[in-house]
Amino acid sequence: MITTQGLTKVFGAVTAVNRVDLRIEKGEIFGVVGPDGAGKTTLLRMLCGIITPTAGRVTFDAVASGRGPDARPVLGYMPQRFGLYGDLTVIENVNFHGALYGLDRRAIGRRADELLRLTGLIEFKQRFADHLSGGMKQKLALTCALLARPEVLVLDEPTYGVDPEYRKEFWKILYRLNGEGVTIVVSTAYMDEAELCHRVAFVNCGTLIAVDTPGNLKEKYPYKILELEAEAVDLDFIGDLPGVIEAAAYGGRYRLAVREVEAAKVALGALLADKGIDILRLEEVPPTMEDVFVFLAGKGVV
């Protein structure tokens, strides 16, 4: 549905996006992940036509748009930062954005109630946007992005800083929209959300590092993961063991990326026994998208 060829954006001495070739299929939930400053926002803005590429191009399938070879599908865009008007009520914001899309008042009225029910904001129509919680503000931004009934919905980290319950609700809405045929392109800082995408593109330093399904990315992860629980909490020294690629604390446990499971278990056992620390649990577990993220971020530009 959407294809990029050599897509590049340069700001002065900084190459924000560097020769990205992508293909996003109709009906996908396509995720874009990467570290801060990786170029995700710039990439999404070029997809939407908000900024002009320095080089390369974005093309849309004529069949998908149904309006000729040069036509774009109807796009809805939700920026990373809340861009609505705090001194307007929910319904006033919706009416304003509907007018920007060129919709008449009757169309806005019909769609407003439908979308506010979808996003759970129907009871808050008269509340000022400044008085909404962070999650509700994001739902209002989504409502405004959906007014034009977009074929493609582009969302730039839509749940950043929102509490976990609102994130779950937000993704339920996205899955419902996707089930109705909306193609969704979403950047996210949360790897549990990356797991929910059909395919994920990992971007680092403006360069596309990998594109695949979450399942395939985890299958291609080159190391084994050990999860360790011990009597002591401060075990930062285990990262220095030979064969341990990465060690990170998660609450009361450590996750270790290792080359060889049995060799790592023996080395860990000997090291902790020497320090008088008992192991409560040490077992191999499947890699997560968090592990994949750390690995791909460490690869840098290839």
C-alpha atoms as a PDB file:
ATOM      1  CA  MET A   1       0.000   0.000   0.000  1.00  0.00           C
ATOM      2  CA  ILE A   2       2.843   2.386   0.904  1.00  0.00           C
ATOM      3  CA  THR A   3       6.348   2.082  -0.522  1.00  0.00           C
ATOM      4  CA  THR A   4       9.399   4.177   0.240  1.00  0.00           C
ATOM      5  CA  GLN A   5      12.435   4.163  -2.026  1.00  0.00           C
ATOM      6  CA  GLY A   6      15.725   5.663  -0.831  1.00  0.00           C
ATOM      7  CA  LEU A   7      13.808   7.940   1.518  1.00  0.00           C
ATOM      8  CA  THR A   8      16.242  10.473   2.990  1.00  0.00           C
ATOM      9  CA  LYS A   9      15.961  13.629   5.058  1.00  0.00           C
ATOM     10  CA  VAL A  10      18.906  15.860   5.903  1.00  0.00           C
ATOM     11  CA  PHE A  11      18.759  18.778   8.358  1.00  0.00           C
ATOM     12  CA  GLY A  12      21.987  20.730   7.959  1.00  0.00           C
ATOM     13  CA  ALA A  13      24.808  18.399   8.977  1.00  0.00           C
ATOM     14  CA  VAL A  14      22.423  15.778  10.406  1.00  0.00           C
ATOM     15  CA  THR A  15      20.982  12.946   8.311  1.00  0.00           C
ATOM     16  CA  ALA A  16      17.770  12.161  10.198  1.00  0.00           C
ATOM     17  CA  VAL A  17      16.606   9.442   7.773  1.00  0.00           C
ATOM     18  CA  ASN A  18      19.066   7.695   5.494  1.00  0.00           C
ATOM     19  CA  ARG A  19      17.972   5.848   2.314  1.00  0.00           C
ATOM     20  CA  VAL A  20      15.058   3.934   3.853  1.00  0.00           C
ATOM     21  CA  ASP A  21      13.308   1.339   1.668  1.00  0.00           C
ATOM     22  CA  LEU A  22      10.024   0.123   3.158  1.00  0.00           C
ATOM     23  CA  ARG A  23       6.843  -1.602   2.091  1.00  0.00           C
ATOM     24  CA  ILE A  24       3.721  -1.303   4.265  1.00  0.00           C
ATOM     25  CA  GLU A  25       0.866  -3.575   3.230  1.00  0.00           C
ATOM     26  CA  LYS A  26      -2.821  -2.721   3.272  1.00  0.00           C
ATOM     27  CA  GLY A  27      -4.498  -3.819   6.488  1.00  0.00           C
ATOM     28  CA  GLU A  28      -1.286  -4.049   8.526  1.00  0.00           C
ATOM     29  CA  ILE A  29      -0.487  -2.727  11.950  1.00  0.00           C
ATOM     30  CA  PHE A  30       3.064  -1.675  11.159  1.00  0.00           C
ATOM     31  CA  GLY A  31       5.300  -0.662  14.048  1.00  0.00           C
ATOM     32  CA  VAL A  32       8.326   1.644  13.947  1.00  0.00           C
ATOM     33  CA  VAL A  33      10.700   1.346  16.907  1.00  0.00           C
ATOM     34  CA  GLY A  34      14.147   2.626  17.758  1.00  0.00           C
ATOM     35  CA  PRO A  35      16.051   4.707  20.325  1.00  0.00           C
ATOM     36  CA  ASP A  36      15.308   8.378  20.940  1.00  0.00           C
ATOM     37  CA  GLY A  37      16.615  10.435  18.031  1.00  0.00           C
ATOM     38  CA  ALA A  38      16.588   7.440  15.677  1.00  0.00           C
ATOM     39  CA  GLY A  39      14.531   9.278  13.025  1.00  0.00           C
ATOM     40  CA  LYS A  40      11.107   7.735  13.700  1.00  0.00           C
ATOM     41  CA  THR A  41       9.167  11.017  13.781  1.00  0.00           C
ATOM     42  CA  THR A  42      10.882  12.347  10.657  1.00  0.00           C
ATOM     43  CA  LEU A  43      10.104   9.097   8.818  1.00  0.00           C
ATOM     44  CA  LEU A  44       6.412   9.230   9.764  1.00  0.00           C
ATOM     45  CA  ARG A  45       6.122  12.887   8.776  1.00  0.00           C
ATOM     46  CA  MET A  46       7.549  12.121   5.346  1.00  0.00           C
ATOM     47  CA  LEU A  47       5.041   9.275   4.947  1.00  0.00           C
ATOM     48  CA  CYS A  48       2.271  11.786   5.623  1.00  0.00           C
ATOM     49  CA  GLY A  49       3.706  14.457   3.329  1.00  0.00           C
ATOM     50  CA  ILE A  50       4.163  16.887   6.218  1.00  0.00           C
ATOM     51  CA  ILE A  51       7.840  17.365   5.375  1.00  0.00           C
ATOM     52  CA  THR A  52       9.518  16.990   2.013  1.00  0.00           C
ATOM     53  CA  PRO A  53      12.255  14.359   1.602  1.00  0.00           C
ATOM     54  CA  THR A  54      15.741  15.506   0.693  1.00  0.00           C
ATOM     55  CA  ALA A  55      15.935  12.452  -1.589  1.00  0.00           C
ATOM     56  CA  GLY A  56      13.885   9.379  -2.404  1.00  0.00           C
ATOM     57  CA  ARG A  57      10.125   9.090  -2.624  1.00  0.00           C
ATOM     58  CA  VAL A  58       6.947   7.764  -1.022  1.00  0.00           C
ATOM     59  CA  THR A  59       4.435   6.072  -3.332  1.00  0.00           C
ATOM     60  CA  PHE A  60       0.948   4.725  -2.734  1.00  0.00           C
ATOM     61  CA  ASP A  61      -0.771   1.899  -4.566  1.00  0.00           C
ATOM     62  CA  ALA A  62      -3.357   3.211  -7.009  1.00  0.00           C
ATOM     63  CA  VAL A  63      -5.627   0.262  -6.220  1.00  0.00           C
ATOM     64  CA  ALA A  64      -5.527   1.101  -2.545  1.00  0.00           C
ATOM     65  CA  SER A  65      -6.541   4.714  -3.026  1.00  0.00           C
ATOM     66  CA  GLY A  66      -8.941   4.114  -5.913  1.00  0.00           C
ATOM     67  CA  ARG A  67      -8.316   7.636  -7.190  1.00  0.00           C
ATOM     68  CA  GLY A  68      -5.678   7.261  -9.856  1.00  0.00           C
ATOM     69  CA  PRO A  69      -1.944   6.604  -9.936  1.00  0.00           C
ATOM     70  CA  ASP A  70      -0.871   9.853  -8.265  1.00  0.00           C
ATOM     71  CA  ALA A  71      -3.515   9.960  -5.521  1.00  0.00           C
ATOM     72  CA  ARG A  72      -2.755   9.385  -1.866  1.00  0.00           C
ATOM     73  CA  PRO A  73      -5.058   7.392   0.372  1.00  0.00           C
ATOM     74  CA  VAL A  74      -6.865   9.435   3.012  1.00  0.00           C
ATOM     75  CA  LEU A  75      -4.389   9.792   5.871  1.00  0.00           C
ATOM     76  CA  GLY A  76      -5.021  10.486   9.532  1.00  0.00           C
ATOM     77  CA  TYR A  77      -2.040  11.725  11.554  1.00  0.00           C
ATOM     78  CA  MET A  78      -1.639  11.901  15.305  1.00  0.00           C
ATOM     79  CA  PRO A  79       1.572  13.709  16.352  1.00  0.00           C
ATOM     80  CA  GLN A  80       3.692  12.793  19.334  1.00  0.00           C
ATOM     81  CA  ARG A  81       2.831  15.903  21.298  1.00  0.00           C
ATOM     82  CA  PHE A  82      -0.736  16.852  22.207  1.00  0.00           C
ATOM     83  CA  GLY A  83      -1.554  19.472  19.593  1.00  0.00           C
ATOM     84  CA  LEU A  84      -5.175  20.300  20.425  1.00  0.00           C
ATOM     85  CA  TYR A  85      -6.521  23.434  22.077  1.00  0.00           C
ATOM     86  CA  GLY A  86      -6.750  23.276  25.853  1.00  0.00           C
ATOM     87  CA  ASP A  87      -9.158  26.224  26.109  1.00  0.00           C
ATOM     88  CA  LEU A  88     -11.678  24.488  23.823  1.00  0.00           C
ATOM     89  CA  THR A  89     -13.973  21.712  24.944  1.00  0.00           C
ATOM     90  CA  VAL A  90     -13.749  18.197  23.567  1.00  0.00           C
ATOM     91  CA  ILE A  91     -16.563  18.768  21.073  1.00  0.00           C
ATOM     92  CA  GLU A  92     -15.205  22.201  20.080  1.00  0.00           C
ATOM     93  CA  ASN A  93     -11.843  20.603  19.272  1.00  0.00           C
ATOM     94  CA  VAL A  94     -13.604  17.947  17.214  1.00  0.00           C
ATOM     95  CA  ASN A  95     -15.689  20.542  15.331  1.00  0.00           C
ATOM     96  CA  PHE A  96     -12.596  22.649  14.631  1.00  0.00           C
ATOM     97  CA  HIS A  97     -10.590  19.735  13.233  1.00  0.00           C
ATOM     98  CA  GLY A  98     -13.564  18.546  11.219  1.00  0.00           C
ATOM     99  CA  ALA A  99     -13.736  21.967   9.585  1.00  0.00           C
ATOM    100  CA  LEU A 100     -10.010  21.750   8.779  1.00  0.00           C
ATOM    101  CA  TYR A 101     -10.741  18.486   6.937  1.00  0.00           C
ATOM    102  CA  GLY A 102     -13.439  20.324   4.951  1.00  0.00           C
ATOM    103  CA  LEU A 103     -16.334  18.355   6.444  1.00  0.00           C
ATOM    104  CA  ASP A 104     -19.777  19.946   6.699  1.00  0.00           C
ATOM    105  CA  ARG A 105     -21.435  20.392  10.094  1.00  0.00           C
ATOM    106  CA  ARG A 106     -23.821  17.458   9.665  1.00  0.00           C
ATOM    107  CA  ALA A 107     -20.992  15.085   8.755  1.00  0.00           C
ATOM    108  CA  ILE A 108     -18.939  16.304  11.707  1.00  0.00           C
ATOM    109  CA  GLY A 109     -21.890  15.823  14.045  1.00  0.00           C
ATOM    110  CA  ARG A 110     -22.506  12.246  12.870  1.00  0.00           C
ATOM    111  CA  ARG A 111     -18.876  11.238  13.039  1.00  0.00           C
ATOM    112  CA  ALA A 112     -18.198  13.053  16.314  1.00  0.00           C
ATOM    113  CA  ASP A 113     -20.710  11.036  18.314  1.00  0.00           C
ATOM    114  CA  GLU A 114     -19.647   7.788  16.639  1.00  0.00           C
ATOM    115  CA  LEU A 115     -15.952   8.399  17.346  1.00  0.00           C
ATOM    116  CA  LEU A 116     -16.422   9.775  20.850  1.00  0.00           C
ATOM    117  CA  ARG A 117     -18.297   6.592  21.729  1.00  0.00           C
ATOM    118  CA  LEU A 118     -15.511   4.529  20.200  1.00  0.00           C
ATOM    119  CA  THR A 119     -12.869   6.344  22.266  1.00  0.00           C
ATOM    120  CA  GLY A 120     -14.974   6.542  25.433  1.00  0.00           C
ATOM    121  CA  LEU A 121     -15.187  10.338  25.472  1.00  0.00           C
ATOM    122  CA  ILE A 122     -18.902  10.777  24.755  1.00  0.00           C
ATOM    123  CA  GLU A 123     -19.617  11.739  28.384  1.00  0.00           C
ATOM    124  CA  PHE A 124     -16.876  14.376  28.327  1.00  0.00           C
ATOM    125  CA  LYS A 125     -17.982  16.383  25.280  1.00  0.00           C
ATOM    126  CA  GLN A 126     -18.227  19.629  27.244  1.00  0.00           C
ATOM    127  CA  ARG A 127     -15.016  19.213  29.241  1.00  0.00           C
ATOM    128  CA  PHE A 128     -12.127  21.535  28.392  1.00  0.00           C
ATOM    129  CA  ALA A 129      -9.195  19.694  26.840  1.00  0.00           C
ATOM    130  CA  ASP A 130      -6.849  21.131  29.494  1.00  0.00           C
ATOM    131  CA  HIS A 131      -8.896  19.321  32.122  1.00  0.00           C
ATOM    132  CA  LEU A 132      -8.503  15.881  30.552  1.00  0.00           C
ATOM    133  CA  SER A 133      -6.069  13.286  31.821  1.00  0.00           C
ATOM    134  CA  GLY A 134      -3.084  12.356  29.642  1.00  0.00           C
ATOM    135  CA  GLY A 135      -4.808   9.241  28.348  1.00  0.00           C
ATOM    136  CA  MET A 136      -8.017  11.120  27.557  1.00  0.00           C
ATOM    137  CA  LYS A 137      -6.062  13.784  25.676  1.00  0.00           C
ATOM    138  CA  GLN A 138      -4.547  11.047  23.516  1.00  0.00           C
ATOM    139  CA  LYS A 139      -8.009   9.633  22.856  1.00  0.00           C
ATOM    140  CA  LEU A 140      -9.214  13.094  21.841  1.00  0.00           C
ATOM    141  CA  ALA A 141      -6.263  13.440  19.464  1.00  0.00           C
ATOM    142  CA  LEU A 142      -7.150  10.027  18.007  1.00  0.00           C
ATOM    143  CA  THR A 143     -10.779  11.094  17.599  1.00  0.00           C
ATOM    144  CA  CYS A 144      -9.695  14.155  15.609  1.00  0.00           C
ATOM    145  CA  ALA A 145      -7.339  12.059  13.452  1.00  0.00           C
ATOM    146  CA  LEU A 146     -10.218   9.716  12.589  1.00  0.00           C
ATOM    147  CA  LEU A 147     -12.706  12.383  11.512  1.00  0.00           C
ATOM    148  CA  ALA A 148     -11.851  12.096   7.810  1.00  0.00           C
ATOM    149  CA  ARG A 149     -12.320   8.297   7.933  1.00  0.00           C
ATOM    150  CA  PRO A 150      -8.674   7.646   6.999  1.00  0.00           C
ATOM    151  CA  GLU A 151      -7.573   4.580   5.086  1.00  0.00           C
ATOM    152  CA  VAL A 152      -4.181   4.909   6.779  1.00  0.00           C
ATOM    153  CA  LEU A 153      -3.761   6.060  10.380  1.00  0.00           C
ATOM    154  CA  VAL A 154      -0.255   7.270  11.291  1.00  0.00           C
ATOM    155  CA  LEU A 155       0.457   7.556  15.015  1.00  0.00           C
ATOM    156  CA  ASP A 156       3.675   8.930  16.494  1.00  0.00           C
ATOM    157  CA  GLU A 157       4.221   7.354  19.944  1.00  0.00           C
ATOM    158  CA  PRO A 158       0.526   7.798  20.815  1.00  0.00           C
ATOM    159  CA  THR A 159       0.749   6.247  24.297  1.00  0.00           C
ATOM    160  CA  TYR A 160       4.024   7.762  25.480  1.00  0.00           C
ATOM    161  CA  GLY A 161       3.729   8.768  29.143  1.00  0.00           C
ATOM    162  CA  VAL A 162       0.232   7.291  29.468  1.00  0.00           C
ATOM    163  CA  ASP A 163      -0.569   4.856  32.285  1.00  0.00           C
ATOM    164  CA  PRO A 164      -0.746   1.110  31.454  1.00  0.00           C
ATOM    165  CA  GLU A 165      -4.538   0.897  31.709  1.00  0.00           C
ATOM    166  CA  TYR A 166      -5.045   3.653  29.134  1.00  0.00           C
ATOM    167  CA  ARG A 167      -2.445   2.019  26.892  1.00  0.00           C
ATOM    168  CA  LYS A 168      -4.463  -1.205  26.934  1.00  0.00           C
ATOM    169  CA  GLU A 169      -7.663   0.687  26.114  1.00  0.00           C
ATOM    170  CA  PHE A 170      -5.940   2.624  23.345  1.00  0.00           C
ATOM    171  CA  TRP A 171      -4.663  -0.557  21.683  1.00  0.00           C
ATOM    172  CA  LYS A 172      -8.098  -2.162  21.902  1.00  0.00           C
ATOM    173  CA  ILE A 173      -9.363   0.796  19.875  1.00  0.00           C
ATOM    174  CA  LEU A 174      -6.530   0.394  17.351  1.00  0.00           C
ATOM    175  CA  TYR A 175      -7.320  -3.306  16.919  1.00  0.00           C
ATOM    176  CA  ARG A 176     -10.985  -2.508  16.382  1.00  0.00           C
ATOM    177  CA  LEU A 177     -10.097   0.087  13.722  1.00  0.00           C
ATOM    178  CA  ASN A 178      -7.704  -2.342  12.065  1.00  0.00           C
ATOM    179  CA  GLY A 179     -10.446  -4.971  12.036  1.00  0.00           C
ATOM    180  CA  GLU A 180     -12.579  -2.483  10.105  1.00  0.00           C
ATOM    181  CA  GLY A 181      -9.876  -2.196   7.428  1.00  0.00           C
ATOM    182  CA  VAL A 182      -7.767   0.754   8.599  1.00  0.00           C
ATOM    183  CA  THR A 183      -4.035   0.373   7.960  1.00  0.00           C
ATOM    184  CA  ILE A 184      -2.116   1.564  11.005  1.00  0.00           C
ATOM    185  CA  VAL A 185       1.468   2.824  11.134  1.00  0.00           C
ATOM    186  CA  VAL A 186       2.573   3.443  14.717  1.00  0.00           C
ATOM    187  CA  SER A 187       5.860   4.340  16.360  1.00  0.00           C
ATOM    188  CA  THR A 188       6.230   3.230  19.953  1.00  0.00           C
ATOM    189  CA  ALA A 189       8.730   3.300  22.789  1.00  0.00           C
ATOM    190  CA  TYR A 190       7.133   0.252  24.426  1.00  0.00           C
ATOM    191  CA  MET A 191       8.254  -3.207  23.385  1.00  0.00           C
ATOM    192  CA  ASP A 192       5.056  -4.836  24.651  1.00  0.00           C
ATOM    193  CA  GLU A 193       3.263  -2.677  22.059  1.00  0.00           C
ATOM    194  CA  ALA A 194       5.765  -3.706  19.378  1.00  0.00           C
ATOM    195  CA  GLU A 195       4.665  -7.294  20.105  1.00  0.00           C
ATOM    196  CA  LEU A 196       1.125  -6.295  19.077  1.00  0.00           C
ATOM    197  CA  CYS A 197       2.170  -5.160  15.582  1.00  0.00           C
ATOM    198  CA  HIS A 198       1.959  -7.434  12.547  1.00  0.00           C
ATOM    199  CA  ARG A 199       5.429  -6.299  11.470  1.00  0.00           C
ATOM    200  CA  VAL A 200       8.046  -4.065  13.050  1.00  0.00           C
ATOM    201  CA  ALA A 201      10.709  -1.837  11.514  1.00  0.00           C
ATOM    202  CA  PHE A 202      13.713  -1.075  13.721  1.00  0.00           C
ATOM    203  CA  VAL A 203      15.395   2.266  12.964  1.00  0.00           C
ATOM    204  CA  ASN A 204      18.675   3.481  14.424  1.00  0.00           C
ATOM    205  CA  CYS A 205      20.618   6.651  13.531  1.00  0.00           C
ATOM    206  CA  GLY A 206      18.183   7.212  10.652  1.00  0.00           C
ATOM    207  CA  THR A 207      18.956   3.845   9.060  1.00  0.00           C
ATOM    208  CA  LEU A 208      16.616   0.886   8.735  1.00  0.00           C
ATOM    209  CA  ILE A 209      18.247  -2.022  10.603  1.00  0.00           C
ATOM    210  CA  ALA A 210      15.577  -4.741  10.410  1.00  0.00           C
ATOM    211  CA  VAL A 211      11.971  -5.325   9.300  1.00  0.00           C
ATOM    212  CA  ASP A 212      10.070  -8.464  10.252  1.00  0.00           C
ATOM    213  CA  THR A 213       7.296  -9.892  12.393  1.00  0.00           C
ATOM    214  CA  PRO A 214       7.903  -9.818  16.160  1.00  0.00           C
ATOM    215  CA  GLY A 215       8.000 -13.630  16.155  1.00  0.00           C
ATOM    216  CA  ASN A 216      10.653 -13.783  13.446  1.00  0.00           C
ATOM    217  CA  LEU A 217      12.752 -11.072  15.085  1.00  0.00           C
ATOM    218  CA  LYS A 218      12.793 -13.065  18.313  1.00  0.00           C
ATOM    219  CA  GLU A 219      13.620 -16.283  16.460  1.00  0.00           C
ATOM    220  CA  LYS A 220      16.598 -14.553  14.804  1.00  0.00           C
ATOM    221  CA  TYR A 221      17.931 -13.282  18.139  1.00  0.00           C
ATOM    222  CA  PRO A 222      21.458 -14.750  18.219  1.00  0.00           C
ATOM    223  CA  TYR A 223      21.865 -15.378  21.952  1.00  0.00           C
ATOM    224  CA  LYS A 224      20.184 -17.367  24.722  1.00  0.00           C
ATOM    225  CA  ILE A 225      18.468 -15.702  27.679  1.00  0.00           C
ATOM    226  CA  LEU A 226      18.976 -16.797  31.269  1.00  0.00           C
ATOM    227  CA  GLU A 227      16.835 -15.445  34.080  1.00  0.00           C
ATOM    228  CA  LEU A 228      18.454 -15.334  37.509  1.00  0.00           C
ATOM    229  CA  GLU A 229      17.033 -14.788  40.973  1.00  0.00           C
ATOM    230  CA  ALA A 230      19.414 -14.851  43.920  1.00  0.00           C
ATOM    231  CA  GLU A 231      19.489 -13.918  47.596  1.00  0.00           C
ATOM    232  CA  ALA A 232      21.528 -10.804  46.855  1.00  0.00           C
ATOM    233  CA  VAL A 233      20.108  -7.962  44.779  1.00  0.00           C
ATOM    234  CA  ASP A 234      23.247  -6.108  43.682  1.00  0.00           C
ATOM    235  CA  LEU A 235      24.751  -8.493  41.123  1.00  0.00           C
ATOM    236  CA  ASP A 236      26.112  -6.035  38.567  1.00  0.00           C
ATOM    237  CA  PHE A 237      29.417  -7.909  38.540  1.00  0.00           C
ATOM    238  CA  ILE A 238      27.880 -10.880  36.675  1.00  0.00           C
ATOM    239  CA  GLY A 239      28.008  -8.868  33.456  1.00  0.00           C
ATOM    240  CA  ASP A 240      31.780  -9.279  33.479  1.00  0.00           C
ATOM    241  CA  LEU A 241      31.634 -13.080  33.245  1.00  0.00           C
ATOM    242  CA  PRO A 242      33.077 -14.566  30.031  1.00  0.00           C
ATOM    243  CA  GLY A 243      30.270 -15.566  27.697  1.00  0.00           C
ATOM    244  CA  VAL A 244      27.787 -13.049  29.157  1.00  0.00           C
ATOM    245  CA  ILE A 245      26.903 -10.542  26.443  1.00  0.00           C
ATOM    246  CA  GLU A 246      24.447  -8.421  28.396  1.00  0.00           C
ATOM    247  CA  ALA A 247      23.099  -8.438  31.966  1.00  0.00           C
ATOM    248  CA  ALA A 248      20.275  -6.224  33.197  1.00  0.00           C
ATOM    249  CA  ALA A 249      18.217  -6.058  36.375  1.00  0.00           C
ATOM    250  CA  TYR A 250      14.412  -6.221  36.183  1.00  0.00           C
ATOM    251  CA  GLY A 251      12.980  -5.826  39.645  1.00  0.00           C
ATOM    252  CA  GLY A 252      14.342  -8.671  41.769  1.00  0.00           C
ATOM    253  CA  ARG A 253      15.741 -10.686  38.870  1.00  0.00           C
ATOM    254  CA  TYR A 254      18.458 -10.454  36.256  1.00  0.00           C
ATOM    255  CA  ARG A 255      18.218 -11.280  32.572  1.00  0.00           C
ATOM    256  CA  LEU A 256      21.435 -12.384  30.934  1.00  0.00           C
ATOM    257  CA  ALA A 257      22.153 -12.757  27.228  1.00  0.00           C
ATOM    258  CA  VAL A 258      24.671 -15.570  26.878  1.00  0.00           C
ATOM    259  CA  ARG A 259      26.329 -17.568  24.113  1.00  0.00           C
ATOM    260  CA  GLU A 260      26.164 -20.996  25.783  1.00  0.00           C
ATOM    261  CA  VAL A 261      23.522 -21.797  28.393  1.00  0.00           C
ATOM    262  CA  GLU A 262      25.244 -24.643  30.252  1.00  0.00           C
ATOM    263  CA  ALA A 263      28.657 -22.950  30.338  1.00  0.00           C
ATOM    264  CA  ALA A 264      27.063 -19.755  31.658  1.00  0.00           C
ATOM    265  CA  LYS A 265      25.154 -21.675  34.343  1.00  0.00           C
ATOM    266  CA  VAL A 266      28.343 -23.347  35.555  1.00  0.00           C
ATOM    267  CA  ALA A 267      30.279 -20.055  35.595  1.00  0.00           C
ATOM    268  CA  LEU A 268      27.455 -18.236  37.406  1.00  0.00           C
ATOM    269  CA  GLY A 269      27.112 -21.006  39.967  1.00  0.00           C
ATOM    270  CA  ALA A 270      30.814 -20.985  40.720  1.00  0.00           C
ATOM    271  CA  LEU A 271      31.034 -17.189  40.923  1.00  0.00           C
ATOM    272  CA  LEU A 272      28.035 -16.769  43.231  1.00  0.00           C
ATOM    273  CA  ALA A 273      29.060 -19.715  45.414  1.00  0.00           C
ATOM    274  CA  ASP A 274      32.475 -18.115  45.824  1.00  0.00           C
ATOM    275  CA  LYS A 275      30.771 -14.955  47.083  1.00  0.00           C
ATOM    276  CA  GLY A 276      28.457 -16.901  49.387  1.00  0.00           C
ATOM    277  CA  ILE A 277      25.319 -16.007  47.396  1.00  0.00           C
ATOM    278  CA  ASP A 278      22.631 -18.660  46.983  1.00  0.00           C
ATOM    279  CA  ILE A 279      20.834 -18.982  43.635  1.00  0.00           C
ATOM    280  CA  LEU A 280      17.051 -19.133  44.048  1.00  0.00           C
ATOM    281  CA  ARG A 281      16.244 -19.655  40.371  1.00  0.00           C
ATOM    282  CA  LEU A 282      18.318 -19.878  37.207  1.00  0.00           C
ATOM    283  CA  GLU A 283      16.647 -20.988  33.993  1.00  0.00           C
ATOM    284  CA  GLU A 284      16.553 -20.350  30.282  1.00  0.00           C
ATOM    285  CA  VAL A 285      13.609 -18.237  29.062  1.00  0.00           C
ATOM    286  CA  PRO A 286      12.538 -17.104  25.573  1.00  0.00           C
ATOM    287  CA  PRO A 287      13.833 -13.749  24.298  1.00  0.00           C
ATOM    288  CA  THR A 288      11.452 -10.795  24.318  1.00  0.00           C
ATOM    289  CA  MET A 289      11.209  -7.798  22.030  1.00  0.00           C
ATOM    290  CA  GLU A 290      13.067  -5.888  24.747  1.00  0.00           C
ATOM    291  CA  ASP A 291      16.032  -8.235  24.235  1.00  0.00           C
ATOM    292  CA  VAL A 292      15.787  -7.778  20.455  1.00  0.00           C
ATOM    293  CA  PHE A 293      15.645  -3.988  20.895  1.00  0.00           C
ATOM    294  CA  VAL A 294      18.815  -3.951  23.021  1.00  0.00           C
ATOM    295  CA  PHE A 295      20.629  -6.193  20.547  1.00  0.00           C
ATOM    296  CA  LEU A 296      19.644  -4.187  17.450  1.00  0.00           C
ATOM    297  CA  ALA A 297      20.401  -0.866  19.152  1.00  0.00           C
ATOM    298  CA  GLY A 298      23.865  -2.203  19.981  1.00  0.00           C
ATOM    299  CA  LYS A 299      24.483  -3.154  16.344  1.00  0.00           C
ATOM    300  CA  GLY A 300      24.394   0.488  15.295  1.00  0.00           C
ATOM    301  CA  VAL A 301      24.260   1.325  11.613  1.00  0.00           C
ATOM    302  CA  VAL A 302      25.014  -1.556   9.235  1.00  0.00           C
END
